[in-house]
Protein backbone atom coordinates (compact mmCIF):
# COMPACT_ATOMS: atom_id res chain seq x y z
CA MET A 1 0.00 0.00 0.00
CA LYS A 2 2.87 2.37 0.77
CA ARG A 3 4.15 2.01 -2.80
CA ALA A 4 0.69 2.68 -4.24
CA LEU A 5 0.34 5.89 -2.23
CA GLU A 6 3.85 7.15 -2.97
CA GLU A 7 3.64 6.49 -6.70
CA GLN A 8 0.19 8.00 -7.26
CA TYR A 9 0.84 11.54 -6.12
CA GLY A 10 2.52 14.25 -8.15
CA GLY A 11 5.98 15.59 -7.70
CA GLU A 12 9.40 14.96 -9.14
CA GLU A 13 11.38 11.78 -8.91
CA GLU A 14 15.07 11.44 -9.58
CA LEU A 15 15.99 8.40 -11.65
CA PRO A 16 19.18 6.51 -10.81
CA GLN A 17 22.10 7.04 -13.17
CA THR A 18 22.59 4.20 -15.60
CA ASN A 19 26.10 5.25 -16.65
CA PRO A 20 27.83 6.80 -13.64
CA GLY A 21 30.74 8.95 -14.71
CA PHE A 22 29.39 9.78 -18.16
CA ASN A 23 26.58 12.04 -17.06
CA ASN A 24 26.69 13.63 -13.63
CA THR A 25 23.31 15.37 -14.05
CA PRO A 26 20.53 13.20 -12.65
CA PHE A 27 17.44 12.86 -14.85
CA LYS A 28 14.21 14.02 -13.23
CA PHE A 29 10.69 13.36 -14.40
CA THR A 30 7.40 14.71 -13.16
CA LYS A 31 4.80 12.27 -11.88
CA TYR A 32 1.20 12.96 -12.75
CA SER A 33 -1.97 11.88 -11.06
CA ASN A 34 -5.68 12.60 -11.14
CA ALA A 35 -8.32 13.21 -8.53
CA TYR A 36 -10.70 10.41 -9.48
CA MET A 37 -11.61 7.91 -6.82
CA LEU A 38 -13.64 4.74 -7.16
CA VAL A 39 -16.04 4.27 -4.26
CA TYR A 40 -18.02 1.14 -3.52
CA ILE A 41 -21.19 1.31 -1.46
CA ARG A 42 -23.44 -1.39 -0.07
CA GLU A 43 -26.67 -1.87 -1.97
CA SER A 44 -28.51 -1.51 1.36
CA ASP A 45 -26.92 1.95 1.93
CA LYS A 46 -27.57 3.27 -1.58
CA ASP A 47 -30.65 5.35 -0.66
CA LYS A 48 -28.82 7.02 2.24
CA ILE A 49 -25.79 7.96 0.13
CA ILE A 50 -27.19 8.63 -3.34
CA CYS A 51 -30.02 11.02 -2.65
CA ASN A 52 -31.39 14.40 -3.71
CA VAL A 53 -29.47 17.40 -2.45
CA ASP A 54 -31.12 20.71 -1.64
CA GLU A 55 -29.32 24.04 -1.70
CA LYS A 56 -29.44 24.12 2.11
CA ASP A 57 -27.39 20.88 2.17
CA ILE A 58 -24.42 22.64 0.54
CA ALA A 59 -22.10 24.71 2.73
CA GLU A 60 -22.50 28.44 2.13
CA HIS A 61 -18.85 29.02 1.18
CA LEU A 62 -19.20 26.38 -1.56
CA ARG A 63 -22.44 27.87 -2.86
CA VAL A 64 -20.74 31.26 -3.11
CA ARG A 65 -17.69 29.82 -4.83
CA PHE A 66 -19.56 27.77 -7.43
CA CYS A 67 -22.55 29.99 -8.00
CA CYS A 68 -23.15 31.17 -11.57
């Protein structure tokens, strides 16, 4: 699990040198990730989780931020 977490977040990683002595500058590459997450829910909990949302259910600071 540690490897999965470390490799899925952005940042730069330094690759090991394959020819030490020939190139002293380490090669860096940027790791990319996304914000998608797969969520499983129990069939019995579906109606509690997937339900209609009223404007009053959304925090005011989010309504202000995402309002037309």
